[in-house]
PDB file of N, CA and C in Angstrom:
ATOM      1  N   UNK A   1      80.528  18.759 -20.056  1.00  0.00           N
ATOM      2  CA  UNK A   1      79.328  19.040 -19.112  1.00  0.00           C
ATOM      3  C   UNK A   1      78.555  20.192 -19.419  1.00  0.00           C
ATOM      4  N   UNK A   2      77.283  19.990 -19.473  1.00  0.00           N
ATOM      5  CA  UNK A   2      76.522  21.199 -19.679  1.00  0.00           C
ATOM      6  C   UNK A   2      75.969  21.709 -18.653  1.00  0.00           C
ATOM      7  N   UNK A   3      75.833  21.184 -17.462  1.00  0.00           N
ATOM      8  CA  UNK A   3      75.092  21.658 -16.243  1.00  0.00           C
ATOM      9  C   UNK A   3      75.345  21.043 -14.990  1.00  0.00           C
ATOM     10  N   UNK A   4      74.895  21.500 -14.159  1.00  0.00           N
ATOM     11  CA  UNK A   4      75.104  20.691 -12.776  1.00  0.00           C
ATOM     12  C   UNK A   4      73.411  20.836 -12.000  1.00  0.00           C
ATOM     13  N   UNK A   5      72.996  19.946 -11.549  1.00  0.00           N
ATOM     14  CA  UNK A   5      71.421  19.883 -10.833  1.00  0.00           C
ATOM     15  C   UNK A   5      71.983  20.404  -9.441  1.00  0.00           C
ATOM     16  N   UNK A   6      72.944  20.488  -8.584  1.00  0.00           N
ATOM     17  CA  UNK A   6      73.510  20.442  -7.429  1.00  0.00           C
ATOM     18  C   UNK A   6      74.305  21.867  -7.220  1.00  0.00           C
ATOM     19  N   UNK A   7      74.087  22.973  -6.996  1.00  0.00           N
ATOM     20  CA  UNK A   7      75.021  24.179  -6.820  1.00  0.00           C
ATOM     21  C   UNK A   7      75.686  23.998  -5.552  1.00  0.00           C
ATOM     22  N   UNK A   8      75.801  23.180  -4.777  1.00  0.00           N
ATOM     23  CA  UNK A   8      76.421  22.996  -3.464  1.00  0.00           C
ATOM     24  C   UNK A   8      77.482  23.564  -3.352  1.00  0.00           C
ATOM     25  N   UNK A   9      78.278  24.041  -2.817  1.00  0.00           N
ATOM     26  CA  UNK A   9      79.694  24.364  -2.480  1.00  0.00           C
ATOM     27  C   UNK A   9      80.563  23.076  -2.584  1.00  0.00           C
ATOM     28  N   UNK A  10      80.093  22.112  -1.814  1.00  0.00           N
ATOM     29  CA  UNK A  10      80.708  20.854  -1.670  1.00  0.00           C
ATOM     30  C   UNK A  10      81.071  20.023  -3.388  1.00  0.00           C
ATOM     31  N   UNK A  11      80.007  20.236  -3.888  1.00  0.00           N
ATOM     32  CA  UNK A  11      79.999  19.677  -5.092  1.00  0.00           C
ATOM     33  C   UNK A  11      80.701  20.431  -6.137  1.00  0.00           C
ATOM     34  N   UNK A  12      80.606  21.579  -5.990  1.00  0.00           N
ATOM     35  CA  UNK A  12      81.302  22.355  -7.158  1.00  0.00           C
ATOM     36  C   UNK A  12      82.558  22.304  -6.992  1.00  0.00           C
ATOM     37  N   UNK A  13      83.111  22.314  -5.360  1.00  0.00           N
ATOM     38  CA  UNK A  13      84.553  22.083  -5.112  1.00  0.00           C
ATOM     39  C   UNK A  13      85.209  20.988  -5.711  1.00  0.00           C
ATOM     40  N   UNK A  14      84.343  19.770  -5.613  1.00  0.00           N
ATOM     41  CA  UNK A  14      84.673  18.533  -6.014  1.00  0.00           C
ATOM     42  C   UNK A  14      85.034  18.453  -7.548  1.00  0.00           C
ATOM     43  N   UNK A  15      84.026  19.106  -8.206  1.00  0.00           N
ATOM     44  CA  UNK A  15      84.381  19.146  -9.611  1.00  0.00           C
ATOM     45  C   UNK A  15      85.470  19.707 -10.195  1.00  0.00           C
ATOM     46  N   UNK A  16      85.538  20.967  -9.316  1.00  0.00           N
ATOM     47  CA  UNK A  16      86.630  21.907  -9.620  1.00  0.00           C
ATOM     48  C   UNK A  16      88.180  21.250  -9.512  1.00  0.00           C
ATOM     49  N   UNK A  17      88.181  20.278  -8.449  1.00  0.00           N
ATOM     50  CA  UNK A  17      89.502  19.567  -7.985  1.00  0.00           C
ATOM     51  C   UNK A  17      89.426  18.602  -9.057  1.00  0.00           C
ATOM     52  N   UNK A  18      88.666  17.911  -9.587  1.00  0.00           N
ATOM     53  CA  UNK A  18      88.766  17.160 -10.606  1.00  0.00           C
ATOM     54  C   UNK A  18      88.940  17.506 -12.159  1.00  0.00           C
ATOM     55  N   UNK A  19      88.862  18.907 -12.205  1.00  0.00           N
ATOM     56  CA  UNK A  19      89.065  19.428 -13.679  1.00  0.00           C
ATOM     57  C   UNK A  19      87.722  19.456 -14.412  1.00  0.00           C
ATOM     58  N   UNK A  20      86.657  19.119 -13.818  1.00  0.00           N
ATOM     59  CA  UNK A  20      85.258  19.488 -14.439  1.00  0.00           C
ATOM     60  C   UNK A  20      84.387  20.568 -14.337  1.00  0.00           C
ATOM     61  N   UNK A  21      84.393  21.421 -15.502  1.00  0.00           N
ATOM     62  CA  UNK A  21      83.664  22.542 -15.422  1.00  0.00           C
ATOM     63  C   UNK A  21      82.807  22.633 -16.710  1.00  0.00           C
ATOM     64  N   UNK A  22      81.840  23.800 -16.705  1.00  0.00           N
ATOM     65  CA  UNK A  22      81.094  23.930 -17.767  1.00  0.00           C
ATOM     66  C   UNK A  22      81.846  23.748 -19.052  1.00  0.00           C
ATOM     67  N   UNK A  23      81.439  23.034 -20.196  1.00  0.00           N
ATOM     68  CA  UNK A  23      82.154  22.706 -21.339  1.00  0.00           C
ATOM     69  C   UNK A  23      83.147  21.801 -21.348  1.00  0.00           C
ATOM     70  N   UNK A  24      83.232  21.189 -20.383  1.00  0.00           N
ATOM     71  CA  UNK A  24      84.492  19.838 -20.328  1.00  0.00           C
ATOM     72  C   UNK A  24      83.931  18.724 -20.970  1.00  0.00           C
ATOM     73  N   UNK A  25      84.692  18.219 -21.838  1.00  0.00           N
ATOM     74  CA  UNK A  25      84.405  17.243 -22.476  1.00  0.00           C
ATOM     75  C   UNK A  25      84.718  15.776 -21.703  1.00  0.00           C
ATOM     76  N   UNK A  26      83.813  14.822 -21.491  1.00  0.00           N
ATOM     77  CA  UNK A  26      83.873  13.737 -20.654  1.00  0.00           C
ATOM     78  C   UNK A  26      83.420  12.840 -21.290  1.00  0.00           C
ATOM     79  N   UNK A  27      84.467  11.659 -21.277  1.00  0.00           N
ATOM     80  CA  UNK A  27      84.277  10.171 -21.925  1.00  0.00           C
ATOM     81  C   UNK A  27      83.599   9.262 -20.766  1.00  0.00           C
ATOM     82  N   UNK A  28      82.681   8.553 -20.954  1.00  0.00           N
ATOM     83  CA  UNK A  28      82.096   7.669 -20.011  1.00  0.00           C
ATOM     84  C   UNK A  28      82.981   6.450 -20.157  1.00  0.00           C
ATOM     85  N   UNK A  29      83.604   5.671 -19.385  1.00  0.00           N
ATOM     86  CA  UNK A  29      84.418   4.587 -20.091  1.00  0.00           C
ATOM     87  C   UNK A  29      83.518   3.503 -19.445  1.00  0.00           C
ATOM     88  N   UNK A  30      83.020   3.443 -18.241  1.00  0.00           N
ATOM     89  CA  UNK A  30      82.512   2.133 -17.554  1.00  0.00           C
ATOM     90  C   UNK A  30      81.394   2.697 -16.749  1.00  0.00           C
ATOM     91  N   UNK A  31      80.353   2.048 -16.634  1.00  0.00           N
ATOM     92  CA  UNK A  31      79.290   2.378 -15.178  1.00  0.00           C
ATOM     93  C   UNK A  31      79.196   0.828 -14.728  1.00  0.00           C
ATOM     94  N   UNK A  32      79.654   0.942 -13.052  1.00  0.00           N
ATOM     95  CA  UNK A  32      79.724  -0.319 -12.438  1.00  0.00           C
ATOM     96  C   UNK A  32      78.168  -0.723 -11.962  1.00  0.00           C
ATOM     97  N   UNK A  33      77.828  -1.543 -12.271  1.00  0.00           N
ATOM     98  CA  UNK A  33      76.479  -1.865 -11.498  1.00  0.00           C
ATOM     99  C   UNK A  33      76.413  -2.124 -10.373  1.00  0.00           C
ATOM    100  N   UNK A  34      77.364  -2.742  -9.344  1.00  0.00           N
ATOM    101  CA  UNK A  34      77.258  -3.083  -8.122  1.00  0.00           C
ATOM    102  C   UNK A  34      76.792  -1.794  -7.249  1.00  0.00           C
ATOM    103  N   UNK A  35      77.531  -0.475  -7.775  1.00  0.00           N
ATOM    104  CA  UNK A  35      77.159   0.787  -7.088  1.00  0.00           C
ATOM    105  C   UNK A  35      77.049   2.016  -7.553  1.00  0.00           C
ATOM    106  N   UNK A  36      76.525   1.532  -8.957  1.00  0.00           N
ATOM    107  CA  UNK A  36      76.390   2.757 -10.110  1.00  0.00           C
ATOM    108  C   UNK A  36      77.275   4.032 -10.108  1.00  0.00           C
ATOM    109  N   UNK A  37      78.611   3.532  -9.535  1.00  0.00           N
ATOM    110  CA  UNK A  37      79.522   4.477  -9.761  1.00  0.00           C
ATOM    111  C   UNK A  37      79.934   4.599 -11.284  1.00  0.00           C
ATOM    112  N   UNK A  38      80.796   5.407 -11.789  1.00  0.00           N
ATOM    113  CA  UNK A  38      80.991   5.829 -13.212  1.00  0.00           C
ATOM    114  C   UNK A  38      82.553   6.162 -13.448  1.00  0.00           C
ATOM    115  N   UNK A  39      83.398   5.446 -14.303  1.00  0.00           N
ATOM    116  CA  UNK A  39      84.442   5.701 -14.662  1.00  0.00           C
ATOM    117  C   UNK A  39      84.386   6.674 -15.894  1.00  0.00           C
ATOM    118  N   UNK A  40      85.197   7.880 -15.908  1.00  0.00           N
ATOM    119  CA  UNK A  40      85.107   8.560 -16.616  1.00  0.00           C
ATOM    120  C   UNK A  40      86.561   9.226 -17.336  1.00  0.00           C
ATOM    121  N   UNK A  41      86.751   9.823 -18.234  1.00  0.00           N
ATOM    122  CA  UNK A  41      88.046  10.265 -18.852  1.00  0.00           C
ATOM    123  C   UNK A  41      87.801  11.622 -19.329  1.00  0.00           C
ATOM    124  N   UNK A  42      88.887  12.430 -19.079  1.00  0.00           N
ATOM    125  CA  UNK A  42      88.581  13.884 -19.399  1.00  0.00           C
ATOM    126  C   UNK A  42      90.363  14.034 -20.263  1.00  0.00           C
ATOM    127  N   UNK A  43      90.172  14.658 -21.320  1.00  0.00           N
ATOM    128  CA  UNK A  43      91.110  14.992 -22.164  1.00  0.00           C
ATOM    129  C   UNK A  43      92.507  14.926 -21.269  1.00  0.00           C
ATOM    130  N   UNK A  44      93.555  14.386 -21.662  1.00  0.00           N
ATOM    131  CA  UNK A  44      94.837  14.629 -21.259  1.00  0.00           C
ATOM    132  C   UNK A  44      94.864  14.093 -19.656  1.00  0.00           C
ATOM    133  N   UNK A  45      94.114  13.577 -19.033  1.00  0.00           N
ATOM    134  CA  UNK A  45      94.132  12.934 -17.740  1.00  0.00           C
ATOM    135  C   UNK A  45      93.713  11.647 -17.601  1.00  0.00           C
ATOM    136  N   UNK A  46      94.304  10.910 -16.580  1.00  0.00           N
ATOM    137  CA  UNK A  46      93.875   9.462 -16.427  1.00  0.00           C
ATOM    138  C   UNK A  46      92.283   9.335 -16.120  1.00  0.00           C
ATOM    139  N   UNK A  47      91.992   8.083 -16.429  1.00  0.00           N
ATOM    140  CA  UNK A  47      90.253   7.824 -16.102  1.00  0.00           C
ATOM    141  C   UNK A  47      90.662   7.910 -14.302  1.00  0.00           C
ATOM    142  N   UNK A  48      89.284   8.304 -14.140  1.00  0.00           N
ATOM    143  CA  UNK A  48      88.808   8.027 -12.552  1.00  0.00           C
ATOM    144  C   UNK A  48      87.360   7.876 -12.232  1.00  0.00           C
ATOM    145  N   UNK A  49      87.371   7.248 -11.281  1.00  0.00           N
ATOM    146  CA  UNK A  49      85.823   7.086 -10.967  1.00  0.00           C
ATOM    147  C   UNK A  49      85.033   8.409 -10.087  1.00  0.00           C
ATOM    148  N   UNK A  50      83.667   8.472 -10.345  1.00  0.00           N
ATOM    149  CA  UNK A  50      83.161   9.138  -9.721  1.00  0.00           C
ATOM    150  C   UNK A  50      81.888   8.569  -8.793  1.00  0.00           C
ATOM    151  N   UNK A  51      81.427   8.953  -8.011  1.00  0.00           N
ATOM    152  CA  UNK A  51      80.144   8.171  -7.295  1.00  0.00           C
ATOM    153  C   UNK A  51      78.699   8.432  -8.116  1.00  0.00           C
ATOM    154  N   UNK A  52      77.934   7.734  -7.731  1.00  0.00           N
ATOM    155  CA  UNK A  52      76.456   7.809  -8.538  1.00  0.00           C
ATOM    156  C   UNK A  52      75.971   9.001  -7.884  1.00  0.00           C
ATOM    157  N   UNK A  53      76.301   9.552  -6.860  1.00  0.00           N
ATOM    158  CA  UNK A  53      75.600  11.065  -6.505  1.00  0.00           C
ATOM    159  C   UNK A  53      76.202  11.895  -7.258  1.00  0.00           C
ATOM    160  N   UNK A  54      77.685  11.938  -7.383  1.00  0.00           N
ATOM    161  CA  UNK A  54      78.030  13.095  -8.456  1.00  0.00           C
ATOM    162  C   UNK A  54      77.444  12.796  -9.874  1.00  0.00           C
ATOM    163  N   UNK A  55      77.696  11.693 -10.145  1.00  0.00           N
ATOM    164  CA  UNK A  55      77.187  11.338 -11.705  1.00  0.00           C
ATOM    165  C   UNK A  55      75.803  11.689 -11.928  1.00  0.00           C
ATOM    166  N   UNK A  56      74.901  11.581 -11.056  1.00  0.00           N
ATOM    167  CA  UNK A  56      73.611  12.108 -11.212  1.00  0.00           C
ATOM    168  C   UNK A  56      73.022  13.703 -11.260  1.00  0.00           C
ATOM    169  N   UNK A  57      74.280  14.587 -10.777  1.00  0.00           N
ATOM    170  CA  UNK A  57      74.227  15.753 -10.901  1.00  0.00           C
ATOM    171  C   UNK A  57      74.811  16.460 -11.907  1.00  0.00           C
ATOM    172  N   UNK A  58      75.734  15.640 -12.751  1.00  0.00           N
ATOM    173  CA  UNK A  58      76.462  16.260 -13.869  1.00  0.00           C
ATOM    174  C   UNK A  58      75.251  16.185 -15.083  1.00  0.00           C
ATOM    175  N   UNK A  59      74.865  17.134 -15.692  1.00  0.00           N
ATOM    176  CA  UNK A  59      74.159  17.158 -16.949  1.00  0.00           C
ATOM    177  C   UNK A  59      75.114  17.140 -18.148  1.00  0.00           C
ATOM    178  N   UNK A  60      74.997  16.180 -19.143  1.00  0.00           N
ATOM    179  CA  UNK A  60      75.892  16.350 -20.485  1.00  0.00           C
ATOM    180  C   UNK A  60      75.099  16.411 -21.721  1.00  0.00           C
ATOM    181  N   UNK A  61      75.603  16.766 -22.740  1.00  0.00           N
ATOM    182  CA  UNK A  61      75.100  16.614 -24.053  1.00  0.00           C
ATOM    183  C   UNK A  61      75.931  15.538 -24.682  1.00  0.00           C
ATOM    184  N   UNK A  62      75.345  14.464 -25.777  1.00  0.00           N
ATOM    185  CA  UNK A  62      76.001  13.591 -26.456  1.00  0.00           C
ATOM    186  C   UNK A  62      76.683  14.513 -27.557  1.00  0.00           C
ATOM    187  N   UNK A  63      77.838  13.780 -27.832  1.00  0.00           N
ATOM    188  CA  UNK A  63      78.486  14.642 -29.223  1.00  0.00           C
ATOM    189  C   UNK A  63      78.364  13.869 -30.474  1.00  0.00           C
TER     190      UNK A  63
END
């Protein structure tokens, strides 16, 4: 993750609880068309799904 658009406490706490912080390498597994949620994987963790609202606020750089 390179940056976040939304600096709200709620989003930052959510990202922290999921282990997502600046510099975290995120692998996108799948984007679900029906609700635009995104399944992601972070090194050494099981894959999990984040909402469209969360994914729109995470800025990433391709590797």
